[in-house]
Protein backbone atom coordinates (compact mmCIF):
# COMPACT_ATOMS: atom_id res chain seq x y z
CA MET A 1 -23.57 212.81 -125.86
CA PRO A 2 -25.70 210.55 -127.82
CA ILE A 3 -24.58 207.00 -129.39
CA LYS A 4 -24.93 207.61 -133.02
CA LYS A 5 -27.35 204.80 -133.31
CA VAL A 6 -26.69 204.97 -137.37
CA MET A 7 -27.27 200.80 -137.25
CA LYS A 8 -28.79 198.62 -134.86
CA THR A 9 -26.69 197.54 -132.38
CA ILE A 10 -28.27 194.99 -129.18
CA VAL A 11 -26.34 193.70 -126.00
CA ILE A 12 -24.92 190.32 -125.87
CA PHE A 13 -24.53 189.12 -122.08
CA TYR A 14 -22.76 186.04 -121.16
CA ASP A 15 -23.40 184.15 -118.45
CA ASN A 16 -21.01 181.41 -116.91
CA ASP A 17 -23.37 181.31 -113.53
CA SER A 18 -20.76 183.35 -111.66
CA SER A 19 -20.24 182.36 -107.89
CA TYR A 20 -21.44 185.74 -106.63
CA GLN A 21 -22.87 187.39 -109.57
CA ASN A 22 -26.45 187.54 -107.76
CA GLU A 23 -25.42 188.45 -104.12
CA LYS A 24 -27.49 191.30 -103.49
CA VAL A 25 -24.30 194.20 -101.99
CA PHE A 26 -24.30 196.54 -104.17
CA ASP A 27 -27.12 199.08 -102.52
CA GLY A 28 -29.51 195.52 -102.50
CA LYS A 29 -28.78 195.05 -106.29
CA SER A 30 -26.54 192.60 -107.29
CA ALA A 31 -24.16 192.92 -110.13
CA VAL A 32 -27.07 190.98 -112.86
CA GLU A 33 -28.99 193.35 -112.24
CA LEU A 34 -26.55 196.56 -112.36
CA SER A 35 -25.86 194.95 -115.56
CA SER A 36 -28.79 194.59 -116.97
CA GLN A 37 -29.55 197.71 -115.27
CA TRP A 38 -26.34 199.29 -118.03
CA ALA A 39 -27.81 198.40 -121.08
CA ALA A 40 -31.67 199.87 -120.32
CA GLY A 41 -29.73 203.07 -119.71
CA LEU A 42 -27.86 203.01 -123.48
CA GLY A 43 -31.38 202.27 -125.02
CA LEU A 44 -30.54 198.76 -126.25
CA GLU A 45 -32.23 195.85 -126.27
CA ALA A 46 -30.14 192.93 -124.23
CA PHE A 47 -29.65 188.90 -124.53
CA THR A 48 -28.04 186.24 -122.77
CA LEU A 49 -25.99 183.39 -123.78
CA LYS A 50 -24.91 180.34 -121.93
CA SER A 51 -22.50 178.67 -125.05
CA ALA A 52 -20.01 175.96 -123.68
CA THR A 53 -16.85 177.07 -125.73
CA LEU A 54 -15.72 180.01 -127.38
CA THR A 55 -16.79 178.50 -131.13
CA GLU A 56 -20.47 178.17 -129.76
CA LEU A 57 -20.71 181.31 -128.13
CA LEU A 58 -19.45 183.30 -131.53
CA SER A 59 -22.05 180.93 -133.06
CA ASP A 60 -24.73 181.81 -131.07
CA MET A 61 -24.29 185.71 -131.45
CA LYS A 62 -23.61 185.20 -135.09
CA LYS A 63 -27.00 183.68 -135.05
CA LEU A 64 -29.01 186.23 -132.49
CA CYS A 65 -27.47 189.08 -134.90
CA THR A 66 -29.11 188.02 -137.77
CA GLU A 67 -32.48 187.12 -136.07
CA ARG A 68 -32.50 190.76 -134.68
CA GLN A 69 -31.25 192.23 -137.96
CA ALA A 70 -28.31 194.03 -135.56
CA GLU A 71 -25.05 195.58 -137.27
CA THR A 72 -23.16 195.86 -133.88
CA VAL A 73 -23.04 193.92 -130.88
CA LEU A 74 -21.83 195.46 -127.37
CA PHE A 75 -20.30 191.98 -125.52
CA SER A 76 -19.58 191.84 -121.71
CA TYR A 77 -20.07 189.18 -119.19
CA ILE A 78 -23.11 189.72 -117.29
CA ASP A 79 -21.49 189.50 -113.15
CA LEU A 80 -19.81 193.06 -113.60
CA PRO A 81 -21.46 195.92 -111.81
CA TYR A 82 -19.40 198.88 -112.81
CA LEU A 83 -20.29 198.62 -116.60
CA ASN A 84 -19.29 202.60 -117.47
CA LYS A 85 -22.20 203.85 -119.29
CA SER A 86 -20.10 207.66 -120.44
CA VAL A 87 -16.99 204.86 -121.57
CA SER A 88 -19.10 202.24 -123.65
CA LYS A 89 -20.83 205.34 -125.53
CA LYS A 90 -17.87 206.50 -126.68
CA ILE A 91 -16.88 203.24 -127.28
CA LEU A 92 -20.13 202.55 -129.38
CA ASP A 93 -19.34 205.85 -130.73
CA SER A 94 -15.87 205.54 -132.20
CA HIS A 95 -16.75 201.66 -133.63
CA ILE A 96 -19.87 202.91 -135.38
CA GLU A 97 -17.96 206.53 -136.83
CA TYR A 98 -14.83 204.80 -137.99
CA LYS A 99 -16.71 201.40 -139.34
CA SER A 100 -14.61 199.47 -137.10
CA GLU A 101 -14.65 195.98 -136.79
CA TYR A 102 -13.97 195.69 -133.29
CA THR A 103 -13.38 198.11 -130.29
CA PHE A 104 -12.28 198.24 -127.16
CA ALA A 105 -11.47 200.41 -124.20
CA ASP A 106 -7.68 199.87 -123.20
CA GLY A 107 -5.87 200.78 -119.29
CA TYR A 108 -8.96 201.03 -117.38
CA PRO A 109 -9.86 198.34 -114.60
CA TYR A 110 -11.42 194.73 -116.25
CA GLY A 111 -15.47 195.52 -116.03
CA PHE A 112 -15.42 198.76 -116.68
CA THR A 113 -15.85 198.32 -120.51
CA PRO A 114 -17.77 196.19 -123.00
CA GLU A 115 -16.70 195.06 -126.41
CA ALA A 116 -17.59 196.46 -129.51
CA LEU A 117 -17.88 193.75 -132.14
CA ASN A 118 -19.13 194.19 -136.18
CA SER A 119 -21.95 190.84 -136.94
CA GLY A 120 -19.94 190.12 -140.15
CA THR A 121 -16.80 190.10 -137.99
CA ILE A 122 -18.38 187.27 -135.19
CA GLY A 123 -18.94 185.42 -138.14
CA ILE A 124 -15.23 185.59 -139.69
CA LEU A 125 -14.31 184.81 -136.20
CA ALA A 126 -16.68 182.18 -135.35
CA GLU A 127 -15.44 180.41 -138.45
CA LEU A 128 -12.10 180.83 -137.13
CA ALA A 129 -12.58 179.08 -134.21
CA ASN A 130 -13.47 176.06 -136.21
CA THR A 131 -10.78 176.07 -138.25
CA THR A 132 -7.27 177.61 -137.98
CA GLN A 133 -7.53 177.94 -134.22
CA LYS A 134 -9.93 175.34 -133.24
CA VAL A 135 -7.88 174.37 -129.70
CA LEU A 136 -8.81 178.10 -128.71
CA GLY A 137 -11.95 177.64 -130.36
CA ASP A 138 -12.83 174.29 -127.98
CA ALA A 139 -12.10 175.82 -125.21
CA SER A 140 -14.06 177.69 -122.61
CA VAL A 141 -15.14 180.45 -122.89
CA THR A 142 -13.31 183.05 -121.24
CA ARG A 143 -13.33 186.76 -120.30
CA ASP A 144 -10.52 187.74 -123.06
CA GLY A 145 -11.29 184.77 -125.65
CA ILE A 146 -12.32 187.30 -128.34
CA TYR A 147 -9.92 189.65 -127.72
CA ASN A 148 -7.44 186.61 -127.46
CA LEU A 149 -8.41 184.87 -130.77
CA ILE A 150 -8.73 188.43 -132.85
CA LYS A 151 -4.88 188.84 -131.22
CA THR A 152 -3.67 185.45 -133.20
CA ASP A 153 -4.33 187.28 -136.65
CA ILE A 154 -4.69 190.81 -136.01
CA ASN A 155 -3.89 192.83 -138.54
CA SER A 156 -6.83 191.23 -140.61
CA PHE A 157 -9.27 192.91 -138.29
CA ASP A 158 -9.78 196.94 -138.49
CA VAL A 159 -9.14 197.50 -134.68
CA GLU A 160 -10.20 200.68 -132.47
CA THR A 161 -9.38 201.57 -129.11
CA ILE A 162 -10.47 204.36 -126.86
CA ILE A 163 -7.67 204.81 -124.15
CA ALA A 164 -8.08 205.54 -120.46
CA ASP A 165 -6.86 209.58 -119.06
CA SER A 166 -4.07 207.09 -116.86
CA ASP A 167 -3.10 203.57 -116.98
CA TRP A 168 -4.69 201.43 -114.03
CA ARG A 169 -2.91 197.84 -115.57
CA LEU A 170 -0.18 197.69 -113.42
CA LEU A 171 -2.77 197.49 -110.47
CA ARG A 172 -4.64 194.22 -112.03
CA LEU A 173 -7.49 195.25 -111.19
CA ALA A 174 -10.65 192.84 -112.05
CA PHE A 175 -14.03 193.80 -110.96
CA HIS A 176 -16.39 190.64 -111.40
CA CYS A 177 -17.98 188.93 -109.46
CA GLY A 178 -16.87 185.24 -110.99
CA LYS A 179 -14.69 184.65 -108.31
CA LYS A 180 -14.39 184.98 -104.26
CA ASP A 181 -11.55 187.47 -104.50
CA ASN A 182 -13.08 189.79 -107.51
CA PHE A 183 -16.13 189.50 -105.48
CA MET A 184 -14.55 191.05 -102.41
CA GLN A 185 -12.00 193.75 -104.42
CA SER A 186 -16.00 194.85 -106.48
CA LYS A 187 -17.90 195.32 -103.15
CA ALA A 188 -15.04 197.14 -101.30
CA LEU A 189 -15.12 199.26 -104.08
CA PHE A 190 -18.96 200.18 -103.78
CA GLU A 191 -18.40 200.55 -99.64
CA GLN A 192 -15.41 203.17 -100.43
CA ALA A 193 -17.39 205.29 -102.56
CA SER A 194 -20.04 204.90 -100.89
CA LYS A 195 -18.59 206.62 -98.07
CA ALA A 196 -16.73 209.33 -99.92
CA GLY A 197 -19.48 210.04 -101.96
CA ILE A 198 -18.30 208.86 -105.45
CA GLU A 199 -21.46 207.90 -107.88
CA THR A 200 -21.15 204.30 -108.99
CA GLY A 201 -23.85 204.14 -111.18
CA GLU A 202 -25.37 206.36 -114.02
CA ALA A 203 -22.98 209.05 -113.55
CA ALA A 204 -20.11 206.82 -112.59
CA ASP A 205 -16.66 208.73 -114.06
CA ALA A 206 -14.37 205.42 -114.30
CA GLU A 207 -11.36 207.57 -113.96
CA LYS A 208 -12.86 208.99 -110.31
CA LEU A 209 -13.51 204.94 -109.05
CA SER A 210 -10.06 203.43 -110.96
CA GLU A 211 -8.30 206.64 -109.15
CA LEU A 212 -10.09 205.37 -105.10
CA ALA A 213 -9.39 201.88 -106.18
CA SER A 214 -5.78 202.00 -106.23
CA LYS A 215 -5.43 203.54 -102.80
CA ASN A 216 -8.19 201.32 -100.99
CA PRO A 217 -6.23 198.40 -99.82
CA GLU A 218 -9.01 196.59 -99.47
CA CYS A 219 -9.45 197.13 -103.14
CA LEU A 220 -5.93 195.90 -103.39
CA LYS A 221 -5.66 192.78 -100.96
CA THR A 222 -8.30 190.63 -100.92
CA VAL A 223 -7.52 186.70 -100.06
CA PRO A 224 -3.88 185.58 -101.32
CA GLY A 225 -3.91 183.45 -104.70
CA PHE A 226 -0.12 182.51 -104.24
CA TYR A 227 0.57 180.31 -101.44
CA ASN A 228 4.49 178.99 -101.13
CA LEU A 229 4.39 175.77 -99.04
CA GLN A 230 7.76 174.46 -97.48
CA ILE A 231 7.25 170.77 -97.09
CA SER A 232 10.60 170.20 -96.76
CA ASP A 233 13.87 171.99 -95.31
CA THR A 234 15.90 169.31 -97.76
CA VAL A 235 18.56 171.01 -100.31
CA SER A 236 21.17 169.41 -102.72
CA SER A 237 23.04 172.00 -103.29
CA ASN A 238 23.41 175.84 -101.92
CA ALA A 239 21.95 177.82 -104.55
CA VAL A 240 24.34 181.42 -104.24
CA TYR A 241 21.06 182.99 -105.12
CA LEU A 242 19.16 181.66 -102.47
CA PRO A 243 20.47 182.99 -98.58
CA TYR A 244 18.20 179.85 -97.39
CA CYS A 245 21.64 177.41 -97.00
CA THR A 246 23.04 180.48 -94.62
CA ALA A 247 19.51 181.20 -93.11
CA TYR A 248 18.63 177.67 -91.89
CA GLU A 249 22.44 177.27 -90.76
CA GLY A 250 22.51 180.67 -88.29
CA LYS A 251 18.68 179.30 -86.96
CA TYR A 252 18.99 175.70 -86.60
CA LYS A 253 22.68 175.30 -86.42
CA ILE A 254 22.72 172.48 -89.18
CA THR A 255 22.98 172.54 -92.91
CA PRO A 256 19.77 171.94 -94.88
CA ILE A 257 21.86 169.91 -97.49
CA ALA A 258 21.24 166.61 -97.96
CA ASP A 259 24.66 164.70 -98.27
CA LYS A 260 26.39 167.03 -96.03
CA THR A 261 24.29 166.70 -92.74
CA LYS A 262 24.14 163.47 -90.68
CA GLU A 263 20.39 165.13 -89.29
CA LYS A 264 16.86 163.63 -90.11
CA LEU A 265 15.62 167.18 -91.32
CA PRO A 266 11.90 167.99 -91.03
CA TYR A 267 9.32 168.02 -93.19
CA MET A 268 5.40 169.46 -92.91
CA ASP A 269 3.23 166.97 -91.73
CA PHE A 270 0.65 165.23 -94.25
CA GLU A 271 -2.26 165.47 -91.64
CA ASN A 272 -1.21 169.18 -90.79
CA CYS A 273 -0.39 169.75 -94.25
CA CYS A 274 -4.18 168.99 -95.58
CA LYS A 275 -5.96 170.27 -93.07
CA LEU A 276 -4.23 173.37 -94.16
CA ILE A 277 -4.86 172.82 -97.62
CA ASP A 278 -8.51 172.42 -96.83
CA GLN A 279 -8.05 175.96 -95.10
CA ILE A 280 -6.69 177.60 -97.97
CA ALA A 281 -9.59 175.62 -100.11
CA GLU A 282 -12.17 177.75 -97.65
CA PHE A 283 -10.05 181.31 -97.59
CA SER A 284 -8.91 181.94 -100.99
CA GLU A 285 -11.18 179.22 -102.76
CA SER A 286 -8.90 180.13 -105.99
CA ALA A 287 -4.89 180.28 -105.69
CA VAL A 288 -2.27 178.58 -106.98
CA ILE A 289 0.13 175.86 -104.36
CA SER A 290 3.47 175.64 -104.84
CA LEU A 291 5.57 173.36 -102.35
CA SER A 292 8.71 174.54 -102.68
CA ALA A 293 9.58 178.03 -100.91
CA TRP A 294 13.02 176.97 -100.03
CA GLY A 295 13.54 172.98 -99.80
CA GLU A 296 13.48 169.90 -102.39
CA PRO A 297 9.50 169.44 -102.37
CA LEU A 298 10.47 165.76 -103.58
CA SER A 299 12.01 164.83 -100.57
CA HIS A 300 8.48 164.41 -99.17
CA PRO A 301 7.55 161.57 -98.29
CA ARG A 302 3.93 162.00 -98.38
CA PHE A 303 4.79 163.97 -101.70
CA ILE A 304 2.55 162.68 -104.10
CA ASP A 305 -0.66 162.71 -101.62
CA ILE A 306 0.37 166.15 -101.25
CA VAL A 307 -0.34 167.06 -104.89
CA GLU A 308 -3.40 164.78 -105.07
CA LYS A 309 -5.31 166.08 -102.20
CA ILE A 310 -4.49 169.63 -103.37
CA LEU A 311 -5.74 168.28 -107.21
CA SER A 312 -9.48 167.11 -105.24
CA TYR A 313 -10.25 171.23 -105.46
CA GLN A 314 -10.42 172.16 -108.44
CA GLY A 315 -10.36 175.94 -107.33
CA LEU A 316 -6.42 174.98 -106.43
CA SER A 317 -3.28 174.76 -108.74
CA VAL A 318 -0.43 172.98 -107.98
CA PHE A 319 3.27 174.51 -109.04
CA PHE A 320 6.82 173.08 -107.39
CA GLU A 321 10.42 173.83 -108.46
CA THR A 322 12.43 171.42 -108.62
CA ASP A 323 16.68 170.30 -109.00
CA GLY A 324 14.94 167.05 -110.60
CA LEU A 325 17.49 165.37 -108.96
CA LEU A 326 14.95 162.92 -107.59
CA VAL A 327 12.67 162.50 -110.44
CA THR A 328 12.10 159.11 -111.88
CA GLU A 329 9.86 157.18 -114.07
CA GLU A 330 7.38 155.83 -111.49
CA LEU A 331 7.35 159.44 -109.91
CA CYS A 332 6.24 161.13 -113.60
CA THR A 333 4.18 158.68 -113.78
CA LYS A 334 2.14 158.87 -110.79
CA LEU A 335 1.79 162.46 -111.23
CA ALA A 336 0.67 162.07 -114.58
CA ALA A 337 -1.76 159.53 -113.34
CA ILE A 338 -3.10 162.30 -111.08
CA GLU A 339 -3.46 165.11 -113.02
CA ASN A 340 -5.26 163.32 -115.82
CA ALA A 341 -7.99 162.23 -113.38
CA ALA A 342 -8.14 165.69 -111.62
CA LEU A 343 -11.46 167.90 -113.00
CA PRO A 344 -10.33 170.98 -115.15
CA ARG A 345 -9.81 174.09 -112.96
CA THR A 346 -11.51 177.23 -112.36
CA ASN A 347 -8.95 179.19 -111.27
CA GLY A 348 -7.92 180.33 -114.90
CA TRP A 349 -4.17 177.90 -114.47
CA GLN A 350 -3.43 175.00 -115.28
CA LYS A 351 -3.43 171.70 -112.88
CA LEU A 352 0.07 170.90 -111.98
CA MET A 353 2.82 173.28 -113.56
CA ILE A 354 6.97 172.30 -112.68
CA ALA A 355 9.42 174.89 -112.94
CA VAL A 356 12.91 172.56 -112.92
CA THR A 357 16.13 174.64 -112.24
CA LEU A 358 18.40 174.51 -114.38
CA ASP A 359 20.07 178.54 -114.74
CA ALA A 360 22.60 177.33 -116.33
CA ALA A 361 24.00 175.15 -120.18
CA SER A 362 26.95 173.71 -119.70
CA ASP A 363 27.65 171.67 -116.39
CA ALA A 364 30.84 174.00 -115.40
CA THR A 365 28.59 176.93 -114.85
CA TYR A 366 25.88 174.93 -112.87
CA LYS A 367 28.74 173.84 -110.21
CA VAL A 368 29.20 177.75 -109.99
CA ILE A 369 25.68 178.68 -109.32
CA HIS A 370 24.17 175.32 -107.34
CA LYS A 371 27.23 175.22 -105.11
CA ASN A 372 27.57 171.46 -102.95
CA CYS A 373 25.70 169.58 -105.92
CA PRO A 374 26.40 165.74 -106.80
CA GLU A 375 28.87 166.02 -108.98
CA ASN A 376 26.01 164.61 -112.25
CA ALA A 377 23.59 167.15 -111.33
CA PHE A 378 23.61 169.57 -114.14
CA GLN A 379 22.86 166.21 -116.60
CA GLN A 380 20.66 165.16 -114.10
CA ALA A 381 18.61 168.06 -113.99
CA PHE A 382 18.47 167.89 -117.49
CA SER A 383 17.11 164.02 -117.79
CA ALA A 384 14.26 165.35 -115.71
CA THR A 385 12.73 168.03 -117.69
CA SER A 386 13.00 165.40 -120.14
CA LEU A 387 11.10 162.76 -118.23
CA LEU A 388 8.37 165.15 -116.84
CA SER A 389 7.99 166.54 -119.86
CA SER A 390 6.87 163.15 -121.70
CA ALA A 391 4.88 162.22 -118.89
CA LEU A 392 3.13 165.81 -118.25
CA PRO A 393 3.63 167.99 -121.60
CA GLY A 394 3.13 171.40 -121.42
CA CYS A 395 3.73 171.32 -117.82
CA VAL A 396 7.24 171.71 -117.36
CA TYR A 397 9.45 174.55 -117.61
CA PRO A 398 13.54 174.57 -117.75
CA GLN A 399 14.48 178.06 -115.26
CA PHE A 400 16.82 180.51 -115.59
CA VAL A 401 17.67 182.42 -112.90
CA ARG A 402 19.50 185.40 -114.43
CA MET A 403 22.65 186.67 -112.66
CA ASN A 404 26.47 187.80 -113.94
CA GLU A 405 27.72 184.76 -113.50
CA ASN A 406 25.45 183.16 -116.27
CA GLU A 407 24.67 185.78 -117.90
CA ALA A 408 27.10 184.80 -120.97
CA GLU A 409 24.71 181.60 -121.34
CA LEU A 410 21.66 183.09 -121.41
CA GLU A 411 20.87 183.19 -124.54
CA THR A 412 22.26 180.14 -125.34
CA PHE A 413 19.76 178.57 -122.50
CA PHE A 414 16.44 180.24 -123.93
CA ARG A 415 17.49 179.73 -127.58
CA TYR A 416 17.70 176.17 -126.88
CA TRP A 417 14.33 175.85 -124.52
CA ASN A 418 12.30 177.98 -126.70
CA GLU A 419 11.85 175.69 -129.77
CA LYS A 420 8.59 173.49 -129.78
CA THR A 421 10.66 170.50 -131.33
CA ASN A 422 12.89 170.32 -127.59
CA PRO A 423 11.47 168.41 -124.45
CA SER A 424 9.48 171.70 -123.05
CA GLY A 425 8.18 172.01 -125.97
CA GLY A 426 9.29 175.58 -126.05
CA ASN A 427 7.75 176.42 -122.22
CA LEU A 428 10.83 178.40 -120.12
CA ILE A 429 11.34 180.87 -116.89
CA ILE A 430 13.60 183.18 -117.12
CA GLN A 431 13.53 184.48 -113.30
CA LYS A 432 15.24 188.13 -112.14
CA TYR A 433 17.93 188.36 -109.50
CA ASN A 434 16.69 188.55 -106.00
CA ASP A 435 19.22 190.34 -103.31
CA PHE A 436 16.78 189.60 -100.80
CA ALA A 437 16.36 193.52 -100.04
CA GLY A 438 21.07 193.51 -99.28
CA LEU A 439 20.97 189.78 -98.12
CA LEU A 440 22.73 189.06 -101.04
CA PRO A 441 25.27 190.60 -103.07
CA GLN A 442 23.87 192.69 -105.86
CA CYS A 443 24.87 189.69 -109.09
CA LYS A 444 21.66 191.09 -111.42
CA PRO A 445 22.83 192.70 -114.69
CA ALA A 446 20.23 194.76 -115.25
CA ASP A 447 17.77 196.88 -113.80
CA LEU A 448 14.30 196.74 -114.62
CA SER A 449 12.58 197.84 -112.00
CA PRO A 450 9.99 200.34 -112.80
CA LEU A 451 10.27 204.14 -112.60
CA GLU A 452 7.45 204.25 -110.58
CA ARG A 453 6.56 202.23 -107.38
CA ASP A 454 3.74 200.42 -106.59
CA PRO A 455 2.40 198.48 -103.33
CA CYS A 456 3.81 195.64 -103.34
CA TRP A 457 2.01 192.36 -104.93
CA HIS A 458 3.89 190.13 -102.22
CA LEU A 459 1.74 191.91 -99.94
CA ARG A 460 -1.09 191.99 -102.03
CA ARG A 461 -0.99 188.08 -103.09
CA ASP A 462 1.07 186.22 -101.34
CA MET A 463 1.79 183.70 -98.49
CA THR A 464 5.01 181.82 -97.30
CA ILE A 465 4.23 178.99 -94.76
CA LEU A 466 7.12 177.34 -93.73
CA SER A 467 7.16 173.54 -92.27
CA ASN A 468 7.09 173.97 -89.22
CA GLY A 469 3.66 176.47 -90.05
CA ASP A 470 5.49 179.74 -89.33
CA VAL A 471 4.28 183.08 -91.53
CA PRO A 472 7.68 185.33 -91.95
CA PHE A 473 6.26 188.56 -93.09
CA CYS A 474 7.53 188.06 -96.39
CA HIS A 475 9.05 185.72 -98.97
CA SER A 476 12.84 187.94 -98.81
CA CYS A 477 12.29 187.29 -94.73
CA VAL A 478 13.60 183.57 -95.54
CA LEU A 479 13.17 181.83 -91.34
CA GLY A 480 12.35 184.62 -89.88
CA ASN A 481 14.34 185.80 -87.17
CA PRO A 482 14.87 186.76 -83.51
CA CYS A 483 13.83 190.28 -84.14
CA GLY A 484 9.92 188.82 -84.79
CA ASP A 485 9.77 188.26 -88.93
CA VAL A 486 7.07 185.88 -88.34
CA LEU A 487 3.50 186.87 -88.55
CA GLY A 488 2.05 183.49 -86.56
CA ASN A 489 1.68 180.11 -87.21
CA VAL A 490 -1.30 178.46 -89.16
CA PHE A 491 -1.74 175.38 -87.07
CA THR A 492 -2.35 177.34 -84.09
CA GLU A 493 -3.92 180.52 -85.99
CA THR A 494 -6.77 180.89 -89.01
CA LEU A 495 -5.25 182.28 -92.38
CA GLU A 496 -7.33 185.19 -91.84
CA THR A 497 -6.32 186.35 -88.92
CA ILE A 498 -2.41 185.89 -89.79
CA TRP A 499 -3.15 187.13 -93.44
CA HIS A 500 -4.50 190.41 -92.10
CA LYS A 501 -1.97 191.51 -89.86
CA THR A 502 0.06 193.09 -92.55
CA ASP A 503 -2.67 195.24 -93.97
CA GLU A 504 -0.86 198.42 -92.11
CA LEU A 505 2.09 197.31 -94.01
CA LEU A 506 0.10 197.85 -97.35
CA LEU A 507 -1.38 200.73 -96.21
CA ASN A 508 2.25 202.07 -95.51
CA HIS A 509 2.53 200.92 -99.31
CA ILE A 510 0.20 202.59 -100.58
CA ASN A 511 1.15 205.88 -99.01
CA LYS A 512 4.66 205.55 -100.15
CA ASN A 513 5.83 204.83 -96.73
CA TYR A 514 8.86 201.89 -96.48
CA CYS A 515 10.34 200.37 -93.55
CA GLY A 516 14.13 199.61 -94.06
CA LYS A 517 13.99 196.40 -95.17
CA CYS A 518 10.46 197.39 -98.07
CA GLU A 519 12.69 200.28 -99.33
CA LYS A 520 15.90 198.04 -100.23
CA CYS A 521 13.59 195.54 -101.78
CA ASP A 522 13.08 195.74 -105.56
CA GLU A 523 10.51 192.04 -105.91
CA TRP A 524 7.56 194.34 -105.57
CA TYR A 525 7.00 194.63 -108.78
CA THR A 526 6.52 190.65 -109.74
CA PHE A 527 4.30 188.73 -110.17
CA ASN A 528 3.57 185.11 -109.15
CA PHE A 529 0.37 183.92 -110.17
């Protein structure tokens, strides 16, 4: 069906100098060349912008529309190798026919479709970004920046949507060349489509490509985006929602609870930890590194140095969970100095994210959940949240694991911490209860599992690494066991070698074939970062 060219339309590409956009891996062509080919196939004049902020981008787009006397813009990043001609025509035809201000496609993987905007709307958005939404406007351009700006006052805009026949959003597929994992995903889809004889160019069928990607392990699993490092074995209490203490006592015959043990418990060697961080930066390039896993990270003697090492890489962010008992003003000051000195992240996440494990709204409930905790632990955790938030505003998240034992306090917890005036500024995390595939009793107040099961997110995205370098099959395997729930050791094997040891397991998930442990697990749909 030809485009209804009632008004002049131009294509505007945004070029953020993506890492892999000029790699000629798509039958000798790059993503930039394929994007340009897409615009030519639509018969539209294309222009490229490199604006620094969202406000500048919208202002530059408006200026270009005025110069070219264009009433409609198809906007896209330039590093998308799979921009689809057929769906783009539907977007543009709908935009023109219904005189829409903004039209987009929903349900497709990211990278298949552009956004359509009216030139007048671009001017309004530029003004909005420079006034009432200046925080968004002054931020760097992001792939969902225009849509996020419209969402702040969406009822003021005439928005139309083209809906995909199937909803692929849950798989979070993103075909662009801005990061290593997305580039690998894009390259894998092209290779698989070539083998299957599926068109990827002018006559491509977006639904067929999406279906192919949904069943391809190399598209679904590229490199880890989340590393869970246990830098210390020590804990201060036995949380009833974690099997760690029981597993630790079973494996090592001592308790990991600091006040209950007479042993000096292990922690990850600092030099080994630094080498591991270097490997992560090289292998994944962009990732979030958690310093928690099971132990209390603040008990590591070089904790501050580890945080500083991670933040020396712009593609890496730090996340850690703490009970708050070791939080001091000195620690907060040091963390704030490191966070302020670190360059902005290139991975889309904050530099530093901290979860304080409260899990209750009262001291009595806290003691029920955190067995063997020090007498004033709840008050200390509450105070730690305030201390950390004062030093690192916007980086601290009070955390509540929802279970039968504390369900009665969920609303109180939420109402308090959701207020912008409280110490965390409205940040909080409500986490689902995990029975670790049957290791713990069923204590979840509600079953939130989707009706249809997709391949496990943790197989696709996560790697848990214990203090001695061992890598369990997954977080739900806790410390591994004598039956072989350890994939390898990062201090003697490469990350890539260990990472691919679960490829067959992921393929089984794609084919709805689950081992005994996976079949009992309901963590497959939860997503860390």
